[in-house]
Amino acid sequence: MAMKKAIVCSKADGTLDICIDNETGLFFEKGNHKDLANKLETLINDGTLRTLMASNARKRAVEKFDIERVTDKVTKFYSKYL
């Protein structure tokens, strides 16, 4: 996402907090290789969708996961509770 790429990821803990289905990438059912193949094929064949999701992914990565923002949030959290 930080590299401005649409992603395909499984519906597993962790990825659900990072990727937004049909906005920054596509989710496939965990363990379902046919669903994975379908989602990959969708992005390969639809350049407009791929470009839109890539742009959304980069924006989300910068807004939510930038190292300075994350560090600031952690520092504020510890300052408040310690």
PDB file of N, CA and C in Angstrom:
ATOM      1  N   MET A   1       0.820  -1.179   0.000  1.00  0.00           N
ATOM      2  CA  MET A   1       0.000   0.000   0.000  1.00  0.00           C
ATOM      3  C   MET A   1       0.872   1.253   0.000  1.00  0.00           C
ATOM      4  N   ALA A   2       1.931   1.248   0.790  1.00  0.00           N
ATOM      5  CA  ALA A   2       2.812   2.408   0.840  1.00  0.00           C
ATOM      6  C   ALA A   2       3.504   2.642  -0.503  1.00  0.00           C
ATOM      7  N   MET A   3       3.610   1.604  -1.307  1.00  0.00           N
ATOM      8  CA  MET A   3       4.245   1.705  -2.626  1.00  0.00           C
ATOM      9  C   MET A   3       3.226   2.036  -3.721  1.00  0.00           C
ATOM     10  N   LYS A   4       2.038   2.451  -3.297  1.00  0.00           N
ATOM     11  CA  LYS A   4       0.946   2.816  -4.209  1.00  0.00           C
ATOM     12  C   LYS A   4       0.561   1.637  -5.102  1.00  0.00           C
ATOM     13  N   LYS A   5       0.280   0.521  -4.436  1.00  0.00           N
ATOM     14  CA  LYS A   5      -0.160  -0.695  -5.115  1.00  0.00           C
ATOM     15  C   LYS A   5      -1.457  -1.187  -4.481  1.00  0.00           C
ATOM     16  N   ALA A   6      -2.387  -1.582  -5.317  1.00  0.00           N
ATOM     17  CA  ALA A   6      -3.582  -2.260  -4.812  1.00  0.00           C
ATOM     18  C   ALA A   6      -3.131  -3.617  -4.294  1.00  0.00           C
ATOM     19  N   ILE A   7      -3.789  -4.119  -3.282  1.00  0.00           N
ATOM     20  CA  ILE A   7      -3.364  -5.383  -2.701  1.00  0.00           C
ATOM     21  C   ILE A   7      -4.505  -6.397  -2.702  1.00  0.00           C
ATOM     22  N   VAL A   8      -4.122  -7.647  -2.637  1.00  0.00           N
ATOM     23  CA  VAL A   8      -5.061  -8.751  -2.454  1.00  0.00           C
ATOM     24  C   VAL A   8      -4.579  -9.474  -1.211  1.00  0.00           C
ATOM     25  N   CYS A   9      -5.443  -9.586  -0.207  1.00  0.00           N
ATOM     26  CA  CYS A   9      -5.036 -10.217   1.037  1.00  0.00           C
ATOM     27  C   CYS A   9      -6.174 -11.055   1.599  1.00  0.00           C
ATOM     28  N   SER A  10      -5.801 -11.984   2.465  1.00  0.00           N
ATOM     29  CA  SER A  10      -6.807 -12.862   3.057  1.00  0.00           C
ATOM     30  C   SER A  10      -7.544 -12.150   4.180  1.00  0.00           C
ATOM     31  N   LYS A  11      -8.713 -12.645   4.467  1.00  0.00           N
ATOM     32  CA  LYS A  11      -9.501 -12.110   5.584  1.00  0.00           C
ATOM     33  C   LYS A  11      -8.974 -12.739   6.865  1.00  0.00           C
ATOM     34  N   ALA A  12      -7.846 -12.218   7.330  1.00  0.00           N
ATOM     35  CA  ALA A  12      -7.203 -12.739   8.531  1.00  0.00           C
ATOM     36  C   ALA A  12      -6.919 -11.596   9.484  1.00  0.00           C
ATOM     37  N   ASP A  13      -6.754 -11.936  10.756  1.00  0.00           N
ATOM     38  CA  ASP A  13      -6.425 -10.910  11.742  1.00  0.00           C
ATOM     39  C   ASP A  13      -5.215 -10.118  11.273  1.00  0.00           C
ATOM     40  N   GLY A  14      -5.258  -8.837  11.485  1.00  0.00           N
ATOM     41  CA  GLY A  14      -4.157  -7.968  11.072  1.00  0.00           C
ATOM     42  C   GLY A  14      -4.451  -7.272   9.764  1.00  0.00           C
ATOM     43  N   THR A  15      -4.748  -8.045   8.733  1.00  0.00           N
ATOM     44  CA  THR A  15      -5.031  -7.430   7.436  1.00  0.00           C
ATOM     45  C   THR A  15      -6.360  -6.694   7.442  1.00  0.00           C
ATOM     46  N   LEU A  16      -7.267  -7.118   8.286  1.00  0.00           N
ATOM     47  CA  LEU A  16      -8.572  -6.462   8.364  1.00  0.00           C
ATOM     48  C   LEU A  16      -8.460  -5.036   8.892  1.00  0.00           C
ATOM     49  N   ASP A  17      -7.403  -4.759   9.640  1.00  0.00           N
ATOM     50  CA  ASP A  17      -7.173  -3.417  10.169  1.00  0.00           C
ATOM     51  C   ASP A  17      -6.435  -2.519   9.182  1.00  0.00           C
ATOM     52  N   ILE A  18      -5.816  -3.108   8.196  1.00  0.00           N
ATOM     53  CA  ILE A  18      -4.971  -2.352   7.273  1.00  0.00           C
ATOM     54  C   ILE A  18      -5.682  -2.088   5.950  1.00  0.00           C
ATOM     55  N   CYS A  19      -6.134  -3.133   5.328  1.00  0.00           N
ATOM     56  CA  CYS A  19      -6.782  -3.033   4.012  1.00  0.00           C
ATOM     57  C   CYS A  19      -8.277  -2.786   4.176  1.00  0.00           C
ATOM     58  N   ILE A  20      -8.840  -1.990   3.286  1.00  0.00           N
ATOM     59  CA  ILE A  20     -10.290  -1.802   3.236  1.00  0.00           C
ATOM     60  C   ILE A  20     -10.776  -2.466   1.951  1.00  0.00           C
ATOM     61  N   ASP A  21     -11.594  -3.493   2.107  1.00  0.00           N
ATOM     62  CA  ASP A  21     -12.066  -4.268   0.957  1.00  0.00           C
ATOM     63  C   ASP A  21     -12.778  -3.367  -0.049  1.00  0.00           C
ATOM     64  N   ASN A  22     -12.428  -3.537  -1.304  1.00  0.00           N
ATOM     65  CA  ASN A  22     -12.986  -2.790  -2.431  1.00  0.00           C
ATOM     66  C   ASN A  22     -12.650  -1.296  -2.415  1.00  0.00           C
ATOM     67  N   GLU A  23     -11.725  -0.889  -1.561  1.00  0.00           N
ATOM     68  CA  GLU A  23     -11.284   0.506  -1.547  1.00  0.00           C
ATOM     69  C   GLU A  23      -9.769   0.605  -1.725  1.00  0.00           C
ATOM     70  N   THR A  24      -9.021  -0.145  -0.902  1.00  0.00           N
ATOM     71  CA  THR A  24      -7.556  -0.131  -1.025  1.00  0.00           C
ATOM     72  C   THR A  24      -7.025  -1.456  -1.569  1.00  0.00           C
ATOM     73  N   GLY A  25      -7.906  -2.421  -1.679  1.00  0.00           N
ATOM     74  CA  GLY A  25      -7.520  -3.742  -2.170  1.00  0.00           C
ATOM     75  C   GLY A  25      -8.713  -4.677  -2.117  1.00  0.00           C
ATOM     76  N   LEU A  26      -8.432  -5.938  -2.327  1.00  0.00           N
ATOM     77  CA  LEU A  26      -9.488  -6.951  -2.332  1.00  0.00           C
ATOM     78  C   LEU A  26      -9.152  -8.046  -1.332  1.00  0.00           C
ATOM     79  N   PHE A  27     -10.152  -8.483  -0.589  1.00  0.00           N
ATOM     80  CA  PHE A  27      -9.993  -9.614   0.322  1.00  0.00           C
ATOM     81  C   PHE A  27     -10.412 -10.900  -0.378  1.00  0.00           C
ATOM     82  N   PHE A  28      -9.702 -11.971  -0.070  1.00  0.00           N
ATOM     83  CA  PHE A  28     -10.143 -13.293  -0.502  1.00  0.00           C
ATOM     84  C   PHE A  28     -10.336 -14.152   0.741  1.00  0.00           C
ATOM     85  N   GLU A  29     -11.188 -15.145   0.619  1.00  0.00           N
ATOM     86  CA  GLU A  29     -11.452 -16.042   1.732  1.00  0.00           C
ATOM     87  C   GLU A  29     -10.206 -16.867   2.039  1.00  0.00           C
ATOM     88  N   LYS A  30      -9.806 -16.843   3.298  1.00  0.00           N
ATOM     89  CA  LYS A  30      -8.620 -17.576   3.741  1.00  0.00           C
ATOM     90  C   LYS A  30      -8.715 -19.047   3.338  1.00  0.00           C
ATOM     91  N   GLY A  31      -7.670 -19.551   2.699  1.00  0.00           N
ATOM     92  CA  GLY A  31      -7.614 -20.944   2.279  1.00  0.00           C
ATOM     93  C   GLY A  31      -8.330 -21.244   0.972  1.00  0.00           C
ATOM     94  N   ASN A  32      -8.904 -20.238   0.341  1.00  0.00           N
ATOM     95  CA  ASN A  32      -9.674 -20.435  -0.894  1.00  0.00           C
ATOM     96  C   ASN A  32      -8.855 -19.937  -2.090  1.00  0.00           C
ATOM     97  N   HIS A  33      -8.121 -20.845  -2.706  1.00  0.00           N
ATOM     98  CA  HIS A  33      -7.233 -20.456  -3.806  1.00  0.00           C
ATOM     99  C   HIS A  33      -8.013 -19.973  -5.033  1.00  0.00           C
ATOM    100  N   LYS A  34      -9.216 -20.461  -5.218  1.00  0.00           N
ATOM    101  CA  LYS A  34     -10.022 -19.996  -6.352  1.00  0.00           C
ATOM    102  C   LYS A  34     -10.448 -18.542  -6.160  1.00  0.00           C
ATOM    103  N   ASP A  35     -10.804 -18.194  -4.938  1.00  0.00           N
ATOM    104  CA  ASP A  35     -11.176 -16.812  -4.647  1.00  0.00           C
ATOM    105  C   ASP A  35      -9.963 -15.894  -4.814  1.00  0.00           C
ATOM    106  N   LEU A  36      -8.804 -16.351  -4.358  1.00  0.00           N
ATOM    107  CA  LEU A  36      -7.568 -15.584  -4.543  1.00  0.00           C
ATOM    108  C   LEU A  36      -7.313 -15.349  -6.031  1.00  0.00           C
ATOM    109  N   ALA A  37      -7.408 -16.392  -6.824  1.00  0.00           N
ATOM    110  CA  ALA A  37      -7.180 -16.274  -8.265  1.00  0.00           C
ATOM    111  C   ALA A  37      -8.173 -15.293  -8.900  1.00  0.00           C
ATOM    112  N   ASN A  38      -9.428 -15.371  -8.475  1.00  0.00           N
ATOM    113  CA  ASN A  38     -10.442 -14.454  -9.014  1.00  0.00           C
ATOM    114  C   ASN A  38     -10.129 -13.003  -8.676  1.00  0.00           C
ATOM    115  N   LYS A  39      -9.697 -12.745  -7.447  1.00  0.00           N
ATOM    116  CA  LYS A  39      -9.394 -11.375  -7.034  1.00  0.00           C
ATOM    117  C   LYS A  39      -8.159 -10.855  -7.782  1.00  0.00           C
ATOM    118  N   LEU A  40      -7.154 -11.694  -7.947  1.00  0.00           N
ATOM    119  CA  LEU A  40      -5.971 -11.295  -8.711  1.00  0.00           C
ATOM    120  C   LEU A  40      -6.345 -11.001 -10.159  1.00  0.00           C
ATOM    121  N   GLU A  41      -7.153 -11.858 -10.735  1.00  0.00           N
ATOM    122  CA  GLU A  41      -7.598 -11.663 -12.116  1.00  0.00           C
ATOM    123  C   GLU A  41      -8.378 -10.354 -12.262  1.00  0.00           C
ATOM    124  N   THR A  42      -9.196 -10.038 -11.272  1.00  0.00           N
ATOM    125  CA  THR A  42      -9.956  -8.784 -11.303  1.00  0.00           C
ATOM    126  C   THR A  42      -9.010  -7.592 -11.405  1.00  0.00           C
ATOM    127  N   LEU A  43      -7.985  -7.567 -10.558  1.00  0.00           N
ATOM    128  CA  LEU A  43      -7.043  -6.444 -10.585  1.00  0.00           C
ATOM    129  C   LEU A  43      -6.194  -6.433 -11.856  1.00  0.00           C
ATOM    130  N   ILE A  44      -5.827  -7.585 -12.339  1.00  0.00           N
ATOM    131  CA  ILE A  44      -5.027  -7.661 -13.568  1.00  0.00           C
ATOM    132  C   ILE A  44      -5.820  -7.121 -14.753  1.00  0.00           C
ATOM    133  N   ASN A  45      -7.089  -7.466 -14.810  1.00  0.00           N
ATOM    134  CA  ASN A  45      -7.906  -7.113 -15.973  1.00  0.00           C
ATOM    135  C   ASN A  45      -8.560  -5.733 -15.907  1.00  0.00           C
ATOM    136  N   ASP A  46      -8.626  -5.145 -14.744  1.00  0.00           N
ATOM    137  CA  ASP A  46      -9.301  -3.853 -14.603  1.00  0.00           C
ATOM    138  C   ASP A  46      -8.302  -2.782 -14.166  1.00  0.00           C
ATOM    139  N   GLY A  47      -7.668  -2.160 -15.133  1.00  0.00           N
ATOM    140  CA  GLY A  47      -6.659  -1.148 -14.860  1.00  0.00           C
ATOM    141  C   GLY A  47      -7.201   0.064 -14.124  1.00  0.00           C
ATOM    142  N   THR A  48      -8.429   0.450 -14.429  1.00  0.00           N
ATOM    143  CA  THR A  48      -9.038   1.602 -13.760  1.00  0.00           C
ATOM    144  C   THR A  48      -9.231   1.317 -12.273  1.00  0.00           C
ATOM    145  N   LEU A  49      -9.776   0.151 -11.969  1.00  0.00           N
ATOM    146  CA  LEU A  49      -9.969  -0.250 -10.574  1.00  0.00           C
ATOM    147  C   LEU A  49      -8.623  -0.360  -9.859  1.00  0.00           C
ATOM    148  N   ARG A  50      -7.663  -0.983 -10.507  1.00  0.00           N
ATOM    149  CA  ARG A  50      -6.326  -1.156  -9.936  1.00  0.00           C
ATOM    150  C   ARG A  50      -5.692   0.192  -9.601  1.00  0.00           C
ATOM    151  N   THR A  51      -5.797   1.151 -10.518  1.00  0.00           N
ATOM    152  CA  THR A  51      -5.221   2.480 -10.300  1.00  0.00           C
ATOM    153  C   THR A  51      -5.929   3.208  -9.164  1.00  0.00           C
ATOM    154  N   LEU A  52      -7.254   3.131  -9.128  1.00  0.00           N
ATOM    155  CA  LEU A  52      -8.023   3.768  -8.053  1.00  0.00           C
ATOM    156  C   LEU A  52      -7.655   3.174  -6.699  1.00  0.00           C
ATOM    157  N   MET A  53      -7.617   1.854  -6.616  1.00  0.00           N
ATOM    158  CA  MET A  53      -7.277   1.201  -5.353  1.00  0.00           C
ATOM    159  C   MET A  53      -5.843   1.521  -4.938  1.00  0.00           C
ATOM    160  N   ALA A  54      -4.943   1.586  -5.895  1.00  0.00           N
ATOM    161  CA  ALA A  54      -3.545   1.914  -5.596  1.00  0.00           C
ATOM    162  C   ALA A  54      -3.434   3.310  -5.001  1.00  0.00           C
ATOM    163  N   SER A  55      -4.156   4.254  -5.574  1.00  0.00           N
ATOM    164  CA  SER A  55      -4.147   5.620  -5.060  1.00  0.00           C
ATOM    165  C   SER A  55      -4.740   5.677  -3.651  1.00  0.00           C
ATOM    166  N   ASN A  56      -5.852   4.996  -3.457  1.00  0.00           N
ATOM    167  CA  ASN A  56      -6.481   4.932  -2.134  1.00  0.00           C
ATOM    168  C   ASN A  56      -5.573   4.253  -1.112  1.00  0.00           C
ATOM    169  N   ALA A  57      -4.871   3.217  -1.556  1.00  0.00           N
ATOM    170  CA  ALA A  57      -3.959   2.488  -0.669  1.00  0.00           C
ATOM    171  C   ALA A  57      -2.825   3.393  -0.192  1.00  0.00           C
ATOM    172  N   ARG A  58      -2.227   4.133  -1.099  1.00  0.00           N
ATOM    173  CA  ARG A  58      -1.135   5.044  -0.739  1.00  0.00           C
ATOM    174  C   ARG A  58      -1.632   6.107   0.239  1.00  0.00           C
ATOM    175  N   LYS A  59      -2.784   6.669  -0.048  1.00  0.00           N
ATOM    176  CA  LYS A  59      -3.352   7.699   0.826  1.00  0.00           C
ATOM    177  C   LYS A  59      -3.574   7.144   2.229  1.00  0.00           C
ATOM    178  N   ARG A  60      -4.141   5.949   2.321  1.00  0.00           N
ATOM    179  CA  ARG A  60      -4.397   5.336   3.626  1.00  0.00           C
ATOM    180  C   ARG A  60      -3.093   5.021   4.356  1.00  0.00           C
ATOM    181  N   ALA A  61      -2.108   4.533   3.639  1.00  0.00           N
ATOM    182  CA  ALA A  61      -0.824   4.205   4.259  1.00  0.00           C
ATOM    183  C   ALA A  61      -0.183   5.454   4.862  1.00  0.00           C
ATOM    184  N   VAL A  62      -0.223   6.549   4.130  1.00  0.00           N
ATOM    185  CA  VAL A  62       0.371   7.797   4.615  1.00  0.00           C
ATOM    186  C   VAL A  62      -0.425   8.341   5.798  1.00  0.00           C
ATOM    187  N   GLU A  63      -1.750   8.324   5.700  1.00  0.00           N
ATOM    188  CA  GLU A  63      -2.594   8.884   6.757  1.00  0.00           C
ATOM    189  C   GLU A  63      -2.586   8.057   8.041  1.00  0.00           C
ATOM    190  N   LYS A  64      -2.557   6.742   7.913  1.00  0.00           N
ATOM    191  CA  LYS A  64      -2.728   5.885   9.088  1.00  0.00           C
ATOM    192  C   LYS A  64      -1.441   5.258   9.613  1.00  0.00           C
ATOM    193  N   PHE A  65      -0.446   5.045   8.752  1.00  0.00           N
ATOM    194  CA  PHE A  65       0.692   4.229   9.150  1.00  0.00           C
ATOM    195  C   PHE A  65       2.043   4.900   8.971  1.00  0.00           C
ATOM    196  N   ASP A  66       2.048   6.203   8.708  1.00  0.00           N
ATOM    197  CA  ASP A  66       3.297   6.944   8.623  1.00  0.00           C
ATOM    198  C   ASP A  66       4.051   6.819   9.950  1.00  0.00           C
ATOM    199  N   ILE A  67       5.353   6.576   9.892  1.00  0.00           N
ATOM    200  CA  ILE A  67       6.140   6.303  11.101  1.00  0.00           C
ATOM    201  C   ILE A  67       6.058   7.457  12.111  1.00  0.00           C
ATOM    202  N   GLU A  68       6.058   8.680  11.635  1.00  0.00           N
ATOM    203  CA  GLU A  68       5.986   9.816  12.553  1.00  0.00           C
ATOM    204  C   GLU A  68       4.625   9.886  13.246  1.00  0.00           C
ATOM    205  N   ARG A  69       3.569   9.629  12.506  1.00  0.00           N
ATOM    206  CA  ARG A  69       2.231   9.631  13.114  1.00  0.00           C
ATOM    207  C   ARG A  69       2.080   8.512  14.135  1.00  0.00           C
ATOM    208  N   VAL A  70       2.543   7.332  13.771  1.00  0.00           N
ATOM    209  CA  VAL A  70       2.426   6.189  14.678  1.00  0.00           C
ATOM    210  C   VAL A  70       3.266   6.433  15.930  1.00  0.00           C
ATOM    211  N   THR A  71       4.479   6.926  15.761  1.00  0.00           N
ATOM    212  CA  THR A  71       5.341   7.209  16.902  1.00  0.00           C
ATOM    213  C   THR A  71       4.715   8.256  17.812  1.00  0.00           C
ATOM    214  N   ASP A  72       4.142   9.287  17.216  1.00  0.00           N
ATOM    215  CA  ASP A  72       3.479  10.331  17.993  1.00  0.00           C
ATOM    216  C   ASP A  72       2.311   9.763  18.800  1.00  0.00           C
ATOM    217  N   LYS A  73       1.510   8.909  18.184  1.00  0.00           N
ATOM    218  CA  LYS A  73       0.371   8.306  18.877  1.00  0.00           C
ATOM    219  C   LYS A  73       0.832   7.427  20.049  1.00  0.00           C
ATOM    220  N   VAL A  74       1.871   6.641  19.810  1.00  0.00           N
ATOM    221  CA  VAL A  74       2.382   5.766  20.872  1.00  0.00           C
ATOM    222  C   VAL A  74       2.940   6.603  22.018  1.00  0.00           C
ATOM    223  N   THR A  75       3.692   7.637  21.693  1.00  0.00           N
ATOM    224  CA  THR A  75       4.260   8.518  22.718  1.00  0.00           C
ATOM    225  C   THR A  75       3.163   9.167  23.552  1.00  0.00           C
ATOM    226  N   LYS A  76       2.132   9.683  22.878  1.00  0.00           N
ATOM    227  CA  LYS A  76       1.016  10.308  23.594  1.00  0.00           C
ATOM    228  C   LYS A  76       0.291   9.300  24.489  1.00  0.00           C
ATOM    229  N   PHE A  77       0.110   8.085  23.993  1.00  0.00           N
ATOM    230  CA  PHE A  77      -0.549   7.042  24.759  1.00  0.00           C
ATOM    231  C   PHE A  77       0.235   6.759  26.049  1.00  0.00           C
ATOM    232  N   TYR A  78       1.556   6.538  25.928  1.00  0.00           N
ATOM    233  CA  TYR A  78       2.365   6.234  27.085  1.00  0.00           C
ATOM    234  C   TYR A  78       2.451   7.416  28.049  1.00  0.00           C
ATOM    235  N   SER A  79       2.506   8.623  27.514  1.00  0.00           N
ATOM    236  CA  SER A  79       2.539   9.814  28.364  1.00  0.00           C
ATOM    237  C   SER A  79       1.265   9.931  29.185  1.00  0.00           C
ATOM    238  N   LYS A  80       0.164   9.568  28.585  1.00  0.00           N
ATOM    239  CA  LYS A  80      -1.122   9.671  29.259  1.00  0.00           C
ATOM    240  C   LYS A  80      -1.283   8.611  30.356  1.00  0.00           C
ATOM    241  N   TYR A  81      -0.795   7.404  30.118  1.00  0.00           N
ATOM    242  CA  TYR A  81      -1.073   6.296  31.022  1.00  0.00           C
ATOM    243  C   TYR A  81       0.086   5.902  31.920  1.00  0.00           C
ATOM    244  N   LEU A  82       1.225   6.526  31.773  1.00  0.00           N
ATOM    245  CA  LEU A  82       2.333   6.197  32.670  1.00  0.00           C
ATOM    246  C   LEU A  82       2.604   7.291  33.664  1.00  0.00           C
TER     247      LEU A  82
END
